[in-house]
Amino acid sequence: MQAQALPARQPVGMEHLDQQGLEAGLDHIAAAPSDVGTVELIVRRPTVDEREVLDIGELDPAVGLVGDTWSIRGSSRTGDGSAHPDMQLNVMNARAIDLVARAPERWALAGDQLYLDLDLSTSNLPAGTQLALGSAVIEVTDQPHTGCAKFSRRFGPDALRFVNSPVGTQLRLRGLNARVVTAGTVCRGDAVTKL
């Protein structure tokens, strides 16, 4: 398994898109395939603010993406602060991250594990929808995935407003949460099929 370590920090001198520039990309994002897409990027978070870009990832129902810190990060959405079982994986639309990040090497800064060229909208992938990718199967959960202060620092306040807008929420521009249903291997370039 080849991994490339990346710092989760904003490169000096990188300009953020304004609201108008972001909205100009909506048609391209909305044209993402609805039934069969592609795994564009796999990223694990071995420690806070660190990213490893993977060519191959192992998905496991107990730990999510093997080597990622989801299981030890905890969640404010559980009563005891433990990891939320319906938030194992953060999945983002590759076209949306390409727009807000402005450079492929910056995609991993978003902190998601899977970046898919697929329509992630609530109408296309309601909670309970299963996706086959590689030899694994994941399931979309009802837990919202919203932009936060880190997202704003990395991609700009307009990007945060854009992904959390009514249109951004419907299209899930910030992404969605999922859990692993069937363990398996996923590779960059694998097809993603809505089951």
C-alpha atoms as a PDB file:
ATOM      1  CA  MET A   1       0.000   0.000   0.000  1.00  0.00           C
ATOM      2  CA  GLN A   2       1.673   3.189  -1.182  1.00  0.00           C
ATOM      3  CA  ALA A   3       0.979   6.300   0.906  1.00  0.00           C
ATOM      4  CA  GLN A   4       1.989   9.896   0.428  1.00  0.00           C
ATOM      5  CA  ALA A   5       2.066  11.982   3.621  1.00  0.00           C
ATOM      6  CA  LEU A   6       0.738  15.521   3.299  1.00  0.00           C
ATOM      7  CA  PRO A   7       0.494  18.310   5.848  1.00  0.00           C
ATOM      8  CA  ALA A   8      -3.065  19.558   6.379  1.00  0.00           C
ATOM      9  CA  ARG A   9      -2.128  23.214   6.090  1.00  0.00           C
ATOM     10  CA  GLN A  10      -2.920  26.002   3.646  1.00  0.00           C
ATOM     11  CA  PRO A  11      -0.073  26.754   1.183  1.00  0.00           C
ATOM     12  CA  VAL A  12       1.140  30.337   1.417  1.00  0.00           C
ATOM     13  CA  GLY A  13      -0.217  32.569  -1.334  1.00  0.00           C
ATOM     14  CA  MET A  14      -3.171  30.333  -2.337  1.00  0.00           C
ATOM     15  CA  GLU A  15      -6.185  32.495  -3.222  1.00  0.00           C
ATOM     16  CA  HIS A  16      -9.713  31.340  -2.419  1.00  0.00           C
ATOM     17  CA  LEU A  17     -12.587  31.597  -4.869  1.00  0.00           C
ATOM     18  CA  ASP A  18     -15.324  34.098  -4.070  1.00  0.00           C
ATOM     19  CA  GLN A  19     -19.052  33.272  -4.078  1.00  0.00           C
ATOM     20  CA  GLN A  20     -19.442  34.149  -7.763  1.00  0.00           C
ATOM     21  CA  GLY A  21     -16.534  31.926  -8.782  1.00  0.00           C
ATOM     22  CA  LEU A  22     -17.891  29.056  -6.708  1.00  0.00           C
ATOM     23  CA  GLU A  23     -21.426  29.365  -8.075  1.00  0.00           C
ATOM     24  CA  ALA A  24     -20.013  29.311 -11.619  1.00  0.00           C
ATOM     25  CA  GLY A  25     -18.945  25.691 -10.952  1.00  0.00           C
ATOM     26  CA  LEU A  26     -22.374  24.406  -9.895  1.00  0.00           C
ATOM     27  CA  ASP A  27     -23.392  23.090 -13.324  1.00  0.00           C
ATOM     28  CA  HIS A  28     -20.223  21.004 -13.588  1.00  0.00           C
ATOM     29  CA  ILE A  29     -20.772  19.534 -10.106  1.00  0.00           C
ATOM     30  CA  ALA A  30     -24.458  18.818 -10.837  1.00  0.00           C
ATOM     31  CA  ALA A  31     -23.419  16.918 -13.995  1.00  0.00           C
ATOM     32  CA  ALA A  32     -21.601  14.217 -11.967  1.00  0.00           C
ATOM     33  CA  PRO A  33     -22.734  10.679 -12.853  1.00  0.00           C
ATOM     34  CA  SER A  34     -25.686   9.423 -10.840  1.00  0.00           C
ATOM     35  CA  ASP A  35     -25.371   5.615 -10.973  1.00  0.00           C
ATOM     36  CA  VAL A  36     -21.772   4.666 -11.800  1.00  0.00           C
ATOM     37  CA  GLY A  37     -18.897   6.947 -10.843  1.00  0.00           C
ATOM     38  CA  THR A  38     -15.201   6.697 -10.035  1.00  0.00           C
ATOM     39  CA  VAL A  39     -13.021   6.692  -6.921  1.00  0.00           C
ATOM     40  CA  GLU A  40     -10.775   9.701  -7.535  1.00  0.00           C
ATOM     41  CA  LEU A  41      -8.856   9.878  -4.238  1.00  0.00           C
ATOM     42  CA  ILE A  42      -8.423   7.864  -1.017  1.00  0.00           C
ATOM     43  CA  VAL A  43      -7.034   9.642   2.041  1.00  0.00           C
ATOM     44  CA  ARG A  44      -6.456   8.431   5.571  1.00  0.00           C
ATOM     45  CA  ARG A  45      -5.786  10.577   8.625  1.00  0.00           C
ATOM     46  CA  PRO A  46      -3.104   8.827  10.715  1.00  0.00           C
ATOM     47  CA  THR A  47      -3.007  11.689  13.256  1.00  0.00           C
ATOM     48  CA  VAL A  48      -4.740  15.043  13.694  1.00  0.00           C
ATOM     49  CA  ASP A  49      -4.014  17.389  10.767  1.00  0.00           C
ATOM     50  CA  GLU A  50      -2.000  14.768   8.865  1.00  0.00           C
ATOM     51  CA  ARG A  51      -3.077  13.139   5.600  1.00  0.00           C
ATOM     52  CA  GLU A  52      -1.853  10.117   3.669  1.00  0.00           C
ATOM     53  CA  VAL A  53      -2.952   9.782   0.056  1.00  0.00           C
ATOM     54  CA  LEU A  54      -3.384   6.107  -0.800  1.00  0.00           C
ATOM     55  CA  ASP A  55      -3.486   4.210  -4.064  1.00  0.00           C
ATOM     56  CA  ILE A  56      -5.213   1.306  -2.278  1.00  0.00           C
ATOM     57  CA  GLY A  57      -7.325   1.392   0.871  1.00  0.00           C
ATOM     58  CA  GLU A  58      -8.782  -1.349   3.039  1.00  0.00           C
ATOM     59  CA  LEU A  59     -12.321  -0.754   4.305  1.00  0.00           C
ATOM     60  CA  ASP A  60     -13.441  -2.615   7.411  1.00  0.00           C
ATOM     61  CA  PRO A  61     -16.827  -2.544   9.225  1.00  0.00           C
ATOM     62  CA  ALA A  62     -15.107  -2.241  12.626  1.00  0.00           C
ATOM     63  CA  VAL A  63     -12.605   0.541  11.891  1.00  0.00           C
ATOM     64  CA  GLY A  64     -13.690   2.206   8.629  1.00  0.00           C
ATOM     65  CA  LEU A  65     -10.612   2.959   6.520  1.00  0.00           C
ATOM     66  CA  VAL A  66      -7.788   0.874   7.991  1.00  0.00           C
ATOM     67  CA  GLY A  67      -5.091   3.157   9.408  1.00  0.00           C
ATOM     68  CA  ASP A  68      -7.427   6.145   9.781  1.00  0.00           C
ATOM     69  CA  THR A  69      -8.093   7.614  13.226  1.00  0.00           C
ATOM     70  CA  TRP A  70     -11.907   7.630  12.998  1.00  0.00           C
ATOM     71  CA  SER A  71     -12.254   5.014  15.749  1.00  0.00           C
ATOM     72  CA  ILE A  72     -10.215   7.021  18.277  1.00  0.00           C
ATOM     73  CA  ARG A  73     -11.309  10.563  17.376  1.00  0.00           C
ATOM     74  CA  GLY A  74     -14.645  10.397  19.135  1.00  0.00           C
ATOM     75  CA  SER A  75     -17.755  12.392  18.333  1.00  0.00           C
ATOM     76  CA  SER A  76     -19.866  15.050  20.008  1.00  0.00           C
ATOM     77  CA  ARG A  77     -22.876  13.264  18.487  1.00  0.00           C
ATOM     78  CA  THR A  78     -22.581  10.211  20.768  1.00  0.00           C
ATOM     79  CA  GLY A  79     -23.626  10.230  24.399  1.00  0.00           C
ATOM     80  CA  ASP A  80     -20.275   8.956  25.651  1.00  0.00           C
ATOM     81  CA  GLY A  81     -18.052  10.826  23.165  1.00  0.00           C
ATOM     82  CA  SER A  82     -17.005   7.633  21.380  1.00  0.00           C
ATOM     83  CA  ALA A  83     -16.649   7.365  17.598  1.00  0.00           C
ATOM     84  CA  HIS A  84     -20.021   7.608  15.852  1.00  0.00           C
ATOM     85  CA  PRO A  85     -20.750   4.355  13.971  1.00  0.00           C
ATOM     86  CA  ASP A  86     -22.605   6.224  11.222  1.00  0.00           C
ATOM     87  CA  MET A  87     -19.689   8.601  10.604  1.00  0.00           C
ATOM     88  CA  GLN A  88     -16.934   6.054   9.807  1.00  0.00           C
ATOM     89  CA  LEU A  89     -16.286   7.527   6.394  1.00  0.00           C
ATOM     90  CA  ASN A  90     -16.515  11.080   5.086  1.00  0.00           C
ATOM     91  CA  VAL A  91     -17.194  11.081   1.354  1.00  0.00           C
ATOM     92  CA  MET A  92     -16.918  14.164  -0.863  1.00  0.00           C
ATOM     93  CA  ASN A  93     -17.806  14.869  -4.473  1.00  0.00           C
ATOM     94  CA  ALA A  94     -14.549  15.113  -6.455  1.00  0.00           C
ATOM     95  CA  ARG A  95     -15.927  17.941  -8.606  1.00  0.00           C
ATOM     96  CA  ALA A  96     -16.877  19.969  -5.531  1.00  0.00           C
ATOM     97  CA  ILE A  97     -13.467  19.607  -3.871  1.00  0.00           C
ATOM     98  CA  ASP A  98     -11.738  20.374  -7.158  1.00  0.00           C
ATOM     99  CA  LEU A  99     -13.668  23.650  -7.319  1.00  0.00           C
ATOM    100  CA  VAL A 100     -13.051  24.802  -3.747  1.00  0.00           C
ATOM    101  CA  ALA A 101      -9.483  23.480  -3.396  1.00  0.00           C
ATOM    102  CA  ARG A 102      -8.353  24.900  -6.764  1.00  0.00           C
ATOM    103  CA  ALA A 103      -5.492  22.382  -7.045  1.00  0.00           C
ATOM    104  CA  PRO A 104      -5.525  18.555  -6.892  1.00  0.00           C
ATOM    105  CA  GLU A 105      -2.741  18.448  -4.284  1.00  0.00           C
ATOM    106  CA  ARG A 106      -5.020  20.401  -1.925  1.00  0.00           C
ATOM    107  CA  TRP A 107      -8.011  18.004  -2.032  1.00  0.00           C
ATOM    108  CA  ALA A 108      -6.818  16.047   1.010  1.00  0.00           C
ATOM    109  CA  LEU A 109      -7.005  19.207   3.151  1.00  0.00           C
ATOM    110  CA  ALA A 110     -10.781  18.735   3.317  1.00  0.00           C
ATOM    111  CA  GLY A 111     -10.257  15.782   5.663  1.00  0.00           C
ATOM    112  CA  ASP A 112     -12.519  13.307   3.894  1.00  0.00           C
ATOM    113  CA  GLN A 113     -11.410   9.739   3.212  1.00  0.00           C
ATOM    114  CA  LEU A 114     -13.106   9.115  -0.139  1.00  0.00           C
ATOM    115  CA  TYR A 115     -13.452  11.534  -3.061  1.00  0.00           C
ATOM    116  CA  LEU A 116     -15.855  10.239  -5.696  1.00  0.00           C
ATOM    117  CA  ASP A 117     -16.911  11.474  -9.107  1.00  0.00           C
ATOM    118  CA  LEU A 118     -20.547  10.726  -8.306  1.00  0.00           C
ATOM    119  CA  ASP A 119     -23.719  12.701  -7.627  1.00  0.00           C
ATOM    120  CA  LEU A 120     -23.885  12.724  -3.813  1.00  0.00           C
ATOM    121  CA  SER A 121     -27.116  14.740  -3.625  1.00  0.00           C
ATOM    122  CA  THR A 122     -29.778  13.796  -1.107  1.00  0.00           C
ATOM    123  CA  SER A 123     -32.168  12.986  -3.966  1.00  0.00           C
ATOM    124  CA  ASN A 124     -29.689  10.618  -5.648  1.00  0.00           C
ATOM    125  CA  LEU A 125     -28.239   8.991  -2.513  1.00  0.00           C
ATOM    126  CA  PRO A 126     -30.750   9.083   0.341  1.00  0.00           C
ATOM    127  CA  ALA A 127     -29.728   7.572   3.677  1.00  0.00           C
ATOM    128  CA  GLY A 128     -29.617   3.796   3.371  1.00  0.00           C
ATOM    129  CA  THR A 129     -28.293   3.794  -0.209  1.00  0.00           C
ATOM    130  CA  GLN A 130     -25.447   1.341  -0.653  1.00  0.00           C
ATOM    131  CA  LEU A 131     -22.446   1.882  -2.908  1.00  0.00           C
ATOM    132  CA  ALA A 132     -20.112  -0.826  -4.213  1.00  0.00           C
ATOM    133  CA  LEU A 133     -16.526   0.363  -4.666  1.00  0.00           C
ATOM    134  CA  GLY A 134     -13.738  -2.095  -5.327  1.00  0.00           C
ATOM    135  CA  SER A 135     -14.636  -5.211  -3.351  1.00  0.00           C
ATOM    136  CA  ALA A 136     -16.220  -3.186  -0.510  1.00  0.00           C
ATOM    137  CA  VAL A 137     -19.736  -1.906   0.092  1.00  0.00           C
ATOM    138  CA  ILE A 138     -20.532   1.264   2.048  1.00  0.00           C
ATOM    139  CA  GLU A 139     -23.873   2.697   3.124  1.00  0.00           C
ATOM    140  CA  VAL A 140     -24.911   6.356   3.208  1.00  0.00           C
ATOM    141  CA  THR A 141     -26.098   7.335   6.697  1.00  0.00           C
ATOM    142  CA  ASP A 142     -28.417  10.083   7.907  1.00  0.00           C
ATOM    143  CA  GLN A 143     -25.670  11.943   9.789  1.00  0.00           C
ATOM    144  CA  PRO A 144     -25.110  15.391   8.237  1.00  0.00           C
ATOM    145  CA  HIS A 145     -21.615  16.350   7.083  1.00  0.00           C
ATOM    146  CA  THR A 146     -21.197  20.124   7.213  1.00  0.00           C
ATOM    147  CA  GLY A 147     -18.382  22.563   6.734  1.00  0.00           C
ATOM    148  CA  CYS A 148     -16.614  23.901   9.828  1.00  0.00           C
ATOM    149  CA  ALA A 149     -14.024  26.489  10.849  1.00  0.00           C
ATOM    150  CA  LYS A 150     -11.170  24.325   9.541  1.00  0.00           C
ATOM    151  CA  PHE A 151     -12.879  24.094   6.155  1.00  0.00           C
ATOM    152  CA  SER A 152     -13.241  27.894   6.126  1.00  0.00           C
ATOM    153  CA  ARG A 153      -9.569  28.427   7.003  1.00  0.00           C
ATOM    154  CA  ARG A 154      -8.409  26.033   4.306  1.00  0.00           C
ATOM    155  CA  PHE A 155     -10.769  27.042   1.482  1.00  0.00           C
ATOM    156  CA  GLY A 156     -12.172  30.436   2.498  1.00  0.00           C
ATOM    157  CA  PRO A 157     -15.337  31.740   4.173  1.00  0.00           C
ATOM    158  CA  ASP A 158     -17.166  31.914   0.839  1.00  0.00           C
ATOM    159  CA  ALA A 159     -16.495  28.194   0.327  1.00  0.00           C
ATOM    160  CA  LEU A 160     -17.999  27.447   3.747  1.00  0.00           C
ATOM    161  CA  ARG A 161     -21.115  29.478   2.929  1.00  0.00           C
ATOM    162  CA  PHE A 162     -21.283  27.810  -0.499  1.00  0.00           C
ATOM    163  CA  VAL A 163     -21.235  24.207   0.786  1.00  0.00           C
ATOM    164  CA  ASN A 164     -23.651  24.993   3.640  1.00  0.00           C
ATOM    165  CA  SER A 165     -26.114  26.961   1.460  1.00  0.00           C
ATOM    166  CA  PRO A 166     -29.531  25.437   0.682  1.00  0.00           C
ATOM    167  CA  VAL A 167     -28.276  24.298  -2.763  1.00  0.00           C
ATOM    168  CA  GLY A 168     -24.980  23.131  -1.271  1.00  0.00           C
ATOM    169  CA  THR A 169     -26.806  21.117   1.383  1.00  0.00           C
ATOM    170  CA  GLN A 170     -29.141  19.485  -1.160  1.00  0.00           C
ATOM    171  CA  LEU A 171     -26.206  18.589  -3.420  1.00  0.00           C
ATOM    172  CA  ARG A 172     -24.129  17.598  -0.359  1.00  0.00           C
ATOM    173  CA  LEU A 173     -21.255  19.752  -1.577  1.00  0.00           C
ATOM    174  CA  ARG A 174     -19.478  19.277   1.754  1.00  0.00           C
ATOM    175  CA  GLY A 175     -20.046  15.562   1.412  1.00  0.00           C
ATOM    176  CA  LEU A 176     -21.843  12.797   3.251  1.00  0.00           C
ATOM    177  CA  ASN A 177     -21.219  10.333   6.043  1.00  0.00           C
ATOM    178  CA  ALA A 178     -21.146   6.596   5.449  1.00  0.00           C
ATOM    179  CA  ARG A 179     -20.348   3.336   7.179  1.00  0.00           C
ATOM    180  CA  VAL A 180     -18.690   0.184   5.872  1.00  0.00           C
ATOM    181  CA  VAL A 181     -21.133  -2.680   5.284  1.00  0.00           C
ATOM    182  CA  THR A 182     -18.847  -5.175   3.533  1.00  0.00           C
ATOM    183  CA  ALA A 183     -15.093  -5.249   4.062  1.00  0.00           C
ATOM    184  CA  GLY A 184     -12.927  -4.984   1.001  1.00  0.00           C
ATOM    185  CA  THR A 185     -10.225  -3.230  -0.944  1.00  0.00           C
ATOM    186  CA  VAL A 186     -10.752  -0.004  -2.858  1.00  0.00           C
ATOM    187  CA  CYS A 187      -8.317   1.508  -5.371  1.00  0.00           C
ATOM    188  CA  ARG A 188      -8.057   4.882  -7.046  1.00  0.00           C
ATOM    189  CA  GLY A 189      -9.827   4.573 -10.359  1.00  0.00           C
ATOM    190  CA  ASP A 190     -12.275   1.894  -9.199  1.00  0.00           C
ATOM    191  CA  ALA A 191     -15.866   2.179 -10.335  1.00  0.00           C
ATOM    192  CA  VAL A 192     -18.442   3.239  -7.724  1.00  0.00           C
ATOM    193  CA  THR A 193     -21.846   1.682  -8.362  1.00  0.00           C
ATOM    194  CA  LYS A 194     -25.099   2.613  -6.688  1.00  0.00           C
ATOM    195  CA  LEU A 195     -26.797  -0.606  -5.554  1.00  0.00           C
END
